[in-house]
Amino acid sequence: MLLALDIGNTEVTVGLFRAEALVGHWRLTTTAERTPDEWAIALEAFLARAGHSPAEIGAACVASVVPTVTEAMVEAVRSAITNKVGVVDPTTPLPLTLDVAEPLAVGADRIANVLGVLDRYPGDSIVVDFGTATTFDCVTGDRRFFGGSIMPGIRTSADQLVRKAAKLVATELVPPARAIGRRTDENIQGGVLFGTADAVDGMIQRMRAEWPERRVPRTVATGGLAPMIARLARHIDVVDPDLTLHGLRVAAASLAL
């Protein structure tokens, strides 16, 4: 079995694969202060609760955008789960061309996203990942990642709005019935969620207009809030919340882990 770990700025998403099937899925809060022993205990506890043991894990594959956590997590996995650990970064030999001005600056999560989309939805694609940031990753069917965009994430925008505006309070992010809110919470929900959906639609339209050879790429959304925004947007074709983990599975196979 393969353990896949996507270390994001807010959460660590963990997936357990048996061949191509995702049989376990967990989320941990990203905390830079955790020691390798603490990460190891957390991973062992999740495995045990799901009825698995470290002895079943043959390898692990890690993608991280938080360097301060990467080393501790890799040490934890090697000490408690498996010695066979691969770390995805722009220098990793993978079946992908990073055709951008600064290939070494491409995030490991974005690399995993495009590997996942090429495996599960072959052809030209835009991946929209709703995380701490909302990222747009553009890849062609011949495995060429050629750029994208980054905008503030949904929760990042909402938290910053409440933090900077003295009279606004934290509000549950659920879509309101209408864009013209009658209460303050509806005002915030509409502005953040409808605003994000329209911004995502606008970016997809712009990217499709610039697409090589005027082909129309499929748009695949991933991340925890992807299902909600996809219901509000018009140009998202597929929702695959576990796409990044599947990309790590593809990377692990490429690295013969």
Protein backbone atom coordinates (compact mmCIF):
# COMPACT_ATOMS: atom_id res chain seq x y z
CA MET A 1 0.00 0.00 0.00
CA LEU A 2 1.06 3.59 -0.60
CA LEU A 3 0.79 6.50 1.84
CA ALA A 4 0.39 9.86 0.05
CA LEU A 5 0.89 13.10 1.98
CA ASP A 6 0.07 16.56 0.63
CA ILE A 7 1.45 19.14 3.08
CA GLY A 8 -0.39 22.41 2.57
CA ASN A 9 -0.22 25.70 4.43
CA THR A 10 -3.42 24.98 6.36
CA GLU A 11 -3.83 21.20 6.33
CA VAL A 12 -1.92 18.01 5.66
CA THR A 13 -4.04 15.72 3.52
CA VAL A 14 -3.17 12.04 3.84
CA GLY A 15 -4.33 9.30 1.48
CA LEU A 16 -3.89 5.54 1.65
CA PHE A 17 -3.86 3.69 -1.67
CA ARG A 18 -4.20 0.04 -2.52
CA ALA A 19 -3.03 0.01 -6.13
CA GLU A 20 -5.12 2.79 -7.77
CA ALA A 21 -7.91 2.73 -5.18
CA LEU A 22 -7.99 5.37 -2.45
CA VAL A 23 -9.00 3.33 0.62
CA GLY A 24 -8.28 5.86 3.36
CA HIS A 25 -8.31 9.64 3.65
CA TRP A 26 -7.47 11.94 6.58
CA ARG A 27 -6.69 15.59 7.31
CA LEU A 28 -4.37 17.03 9.95
CA THR A 29 -3.78 20.67 10.85
CA THR A 30 -0.43 21.88 9.52
CA THR A 31 1.63 22.83 12.57
CA ALA A 32 5.29 23.72 12.17
CA GLU A 33 5.95 23.17 15.87
CA ARG A 34 5.15 19.45 15.77
CA THR A 35 8.14 17.17 16.25
CA PRO A 36 8.75 14.08 14.10
CA ASP A 37 7.58 11.95 17.03
CA GLU A 38 4.30 13.87 17.21
CA TRP A 39 3.69 13.50 13.47
CA ALA A 40 4.51 9.78 13.75
CA ILE A 41 2.01 9.28 16.57
CA ALA A 42 -0.70 11.08 14.58
CA LEU A 43 -0.10 8.99 11.44
CA GLU A 44 0.00 5.73 13.39
CA ALA A 45 -3.27 6.66 15.13
CA PHE A 46 -5.05 7.36 11.84
CA LEU A 47 -3.85 4.09 10.36
CA ALA A 48 -4.89 2.12 13.43
CA ARG A 49 -8.34 3.71 13.50
CA ALA A 50 -8.82 2.68 9.87
CA GLY A 51 -7.79 -0.89 10.68
CA HIS A 52 -4.33 -0.77 9.14
CA SER A 53 -0.80 -1.11 10.47
CA PRO A 54 2.50 0.45 9.35
CA ALA A 55 3.62 -3.01 8.23
CA GLU A 56 1.09 -2.82 5.37
CA ILE A 57 2.65 0.37 3.93
CA GLY A 58 5.25 -0.34 1.28
CA ALA A 59 6.11 3.26 0.40
CA ALA A 60 5.16 6.90 0.92
CA CYS A 61 5.14 9.90 -1.41
CA VAL A 62 5.20 13.47 -0.09
CA ALA A 63 4.44 16.85 -1.67
CA SER A 64 4.92 19.93 0.46
CA VAL A 65 4.65 23.70 0.20
CA VAL A 66 5.76 24.14 3.83
CA PRO A 67 9.52 23.51 4.03
CA THR A 68 9.55 23.79 7.83
CA VAL A 69 7.23 20.77 8.05
CA THR A 70 8.68 18.65 5.26
CA GLU A 71 11.77 17.41 7.06
CA ALA A 72 9.90 16.53 10.26
CA MET A 73 7.20 14.70 8.32
CA VAL A 74 9.66 12.69 6.24
CA GLU A 75 11.56 11.74 9.40
CA ALA A 76 8.28 10.69 11.04
CA VAL A 77 7.27 8.51 8.10
CA ARG A 78 10.68 6.85 7.91
CA SER A 79 10.80 6.13 11.63
CA ALA A 80 7.23 4.90 12.09
CA ILE A 81 5.82 3.80 8.72
CA THR A 82 8.30 2.98 5.95
CA ASN A 83 11.87 3.76 4.91
CA LYS A 84 10.82 4.04 1.28
CA VAL A 85 9.85 7.72 0.95
CA GLY A 86 9.80 9.89 -2.17
CA VAL A 87 9.51 13.68 -2.08
CA VAL A 88 8.05 15.48 -5.09
CA ASP A 89 9.59 18.78 -6.15
CA PRO A 90 10.43 20.48 -9.48
CA THR A 91 13.68 18.48 -9.79
CA THR A 92 11.98 15.08 -9.39
CA PRO A 93 12.18 12.99 -12.59
CA LEU A 94 8.53 12.76 -13.61
CA PRO A 95 6.63 12.36 -16.90
CA LEU A 96 5.97 16.10 -17.11
CA THR A 97 7.59 19.13 -18.74
CA LEU A 98 7.61 22.33 -16.68
CA ASP A 99 7.49 24.78 -19.58
CA VAL A 100 7.51 27.98 -17.50
CA ALA A 101 9.96 30.82 -16.91
CA GLU A 102 10.86 29.63 -13.38
CA PRO A 103 10.42 25.84 -13.28
CA LEU A 104 12.17 25.50 -9.91
CA ALA A 105 9.52 27.75 -8.36
CA VAL A 106 6.57 25.51 -9.28
CA GLY A 107 4.89 24.19 -6.13
CA ALA A 108 4.90 20.46 -5.47
CA ASP A 109 1.11 20.49 -5.03
CA ARG A 110 0.68 21.96 -8.51
CA ILE A 111 2.94 19.29 -9.96
CA ALA A 112 0.83 16.63 -8.26
CA ASN A 113 -2.37 18.27 -9.55
CA VAL A 114 -1.33 18.11 -13.18
CA LEU A 115 0.00 14.55 -12.84
CA GLY A 116 -3.35 13.58 -11.36
CA VAL A 117 -5.43 15.27 -14.03
CA LEU A 118 -3.37 13.76 -16.87
CA ASP A 119 -3.88 10.32 -15.35
CA ARG A 120 -7.60 10.61 -14.62
CA TYR A 121 -8.77 12.97 -17.39
CA PRO A 122 -6.33 12.73 -20.32
CA GLY A 123 -6.15 15.77 -22.57
CA ASP A 124 -5.80 19.52 -22.17
CA SER A 125 -6.92 20.66 -18.71
CA ILE A 126 -7.14 23.54 -16.27
CA VAL A 127 -6.95 22.41 -12.64
CA VAL A 128 -8.50 24.79 -10.11
CA ASP A 129 -7.35 23.92 -6.59
CA PHE A 130 -9.29 25.57 -3.76
CA GLY A 131 -6.83 25.68 -0.85
CA THR A 132 -5.15 28.39 1.22
CA ALA A 133 -4.63 29.93 -2.21
CA THR A 134 -6.80 29.19 -5.24
CA THR A 135 -4.46 28.03 -7.97
CA PHE A 136 -5.07 27.53 -11.69
CA ASP A 137 -2.76 24.99 -13.37
CA CYS A 138 -2.70 24.71 -17.16
CA VAL A 139 -1.46 21.50 -18.80
CA THR A 140 -1.70 20.11 -22.32
CA GLY A 141 -2.43 16.52 -23.26
CA ASP A 142 1.19 16.03 -24.29
CA ARG A 143 2.19 16.57 -20.62
CA ARG A 144 3.35 20.18 -20.80
CA PHE A 145 2.62 22.39 -17.79
CA PHE A 146 2.87 25.90 -19.20
CA GLY A 147 1.62 28.18 -16.43
CA GLY A 148 -1.42 29.34 -14.55
CA SER A 149 -2.51 31.85 -11.92
CA ILE A 150 -2.80 32.22 -8.16
CA MET A 151 -5.47 34.15 -6.28
CA PRO A 152 -6.29 34.34 -2.55
CA GLY A 153 -8.11 31.29 -1.23
CA ILE A 154 -11.74 31.42 -0.11
CA ARG A 155 -11.09 31.09 3.62
CA THR A 156 -8.02 33.33 3.35
CA SER A 157 -10.14 36.09 1.82
CA ALA A 158 -12.94 35.66 4.34
CA ASP A 159 -10.57 35.62 7.33
CA GLN A 160 -8.73 38.70 6.11
CA LEU A 161 -12.01 40.55 5.56
CA VAL A 162 -13.15 39.88 9.13
CA ARG A 163 -9.72 40.66 10.54
CA LYS A 164 -9.50 44.06 8.86
CA ALA A 165 -13.12 45.20 9.26
CA ALA A 166 -13.90 45.95 12.91
CA LYS A 167 -17.67 45.46 12.67
CA LEU A 168 -17.66 42.21 10.70
CA VAL A 169 -17.61 38.83 12.44
CA ALA A 170 -16.64 35.36 11.26
CA THR A 171 -19.44 33.76 9.25
CA GLU A 172 -20.10 30.19 8.15
CA LEU A 173 -19.33 29.91 4.46
CA VAL A 174 -22.55 28.57 2.98
CA PRO A 175 -24.11 30.01 -0.18
CA PRO A 176 -26.95 32.44 0.55
CA ALA A 177 -30.21 32.32 -1.38
CA ARG A 178 -29.48 35.57 -3.22
CA ALA A 179 -26.65 37.91 -4.14
CA ILE A 180 -28.38 40.88 -2.51
CA GLY A 181 -28.09 39.94 1.15
CA ARG A 182 -30.53 41.22 3.77
CA ARG A 183 -28.30 40.42 6.78
CA THR A 184 -24.59 40.97 7.39
CA ASP A 185 -23.80 37.24 7.27
CA GLU A 186 -25.58 36.98 3.89
CA ASN A 187 -23.58 39.96 2.65
CA ILE A 188 -20.31 38.23 3.55
CA GLN A 189 -21.39 34.83 2.22
CA GLY A 190 -22.57 36.27 -1.07
CA GLY A 191 -19.53 38.47 -1.56
CA VAL A 192 -17.04 35.72 -0.77
CA LEU A 193 -18.72 32.72 -2.44
CA PHE A 194 -20.48 34.28 -5.43
CA GLY A 195 -17.49 36.57 -5.89
CA THR A 196 -15.13 33.58 -5.93
CA ALA A 197 -17.33 31.62 -8.35
CA ASP A 198 -17.53 34.55 -10.76
CA ALA A 199 -13.79 35.22 -10.47
CA VAL A 200 -13.05 31.56 -11.20
CA ASP A 201 -15.39 31.60 -14.21
CA GLY A 202 -13.71 34.77 -15.46
CA MET A 203 -10.22 33.29 -15.13
CA ILE A 204 -11.26 30.09 -16.91
CA GLN A 205 -12.72 32.10 -19.78
CA ARG A 206 -9.54 34.16 -20.09
CA MET A 207 -7.35 31.05 -20.03
CA ARG A 208 -9.46 29.25 -22.60
CA ALA A 209 -9.16 32.31 -24.87
CA GLU A 210 -5.34 32.13 -24.59
CA TRP A 211 -5.11 28.34 -24.93
CA PRO A 212 -2.64 26.98 -27.52
CA GLU A 213 -4.18 26.14 -30.89
CA ARG A 214 -7.54 27.36 -29.55
CA ARG A 215 -8.40 23.96 -28.11
CA VAL A 216 -10.97 23.99 -25.28
CA PRO A 217 -9.47 22.50 -22.11
CA ARG A 218 -11.50 20.61 -19.55
CA THR A 219 -11.69 22.35 -16.15
CA VAL A 220 -11.26 20.11 -13.11
CA ALA A 221 -11.76 21.48 -9.59
CA THR A 222 -10.14 20.00 -6.51
CA GLY A 223 -9.73 20.86 -2.83
CA GLY A 224 -12.17 20.73 0.07
CA LEU A 225 -14.36 23.64 -1.08
CA ALA A 226 -14.42 22.59 -4.75
CA PRO A 227 -17.90 20.97 -4.62
CA MET A 228 -19.48 24.12 -3.17
CA ILE A 229 -17.93 26.53 -5.68
CA ALA A 230 -18.59 24.19 -8.61
CA ARG A 231 -22.32 24.44 -7.87
CA LEU A 232 -22.10 28.22 -8.16
CA ALA A 233 -19.75 28.41 -11.16
CA ARG A 234 -20.58 27.82 -14.82
CA HIS A 235 -17.29 26.67 -16.31
CA ILE A 236 -16.12 23.89 -13.97
CA ASP A 237 -16.62 20.56 -15.74
CA VAL A 238 -15.50 18.01 -13.15
CA VAL A 239 -15.03 18.00 -9.36
CA ASP A 240 -12.36 15.64 -8.02
CA PRO A 241 -11.54 16.51 -4.38
CA ASP A 242 -8.77 13.88 -4.18
CA LEU A 243 -6.96 14.82 -7.38
CA THR A 244 -3.74 15.90 -5.63
CA LEU A 245 -3.47 12.59 -3.80
CA HIS A 246 -3.95 10.71 -7.07
CA GLY A 247 -1.17 12.81 -8.55
CA LEU A 248 1.11 11.65 -5.74
CA ARG A 249 0.13 8.07 -6.56
CA VAL A 250 1.22 8.69 -10.16
CA ALA A 251 4.47 10.26 -8.96
CA ALA A 252 5.18 7.29 -6.71
CA ALA A 253 4.69 4.89 -9.63
CA SER A 254 7.04 7.00 -11.78
CA LEU A 255 9.66 6.87 -9.01
CA ALA A 256 9.16 3.09 -8.65
CA LEU A 257 8.34 3.46 -4.95
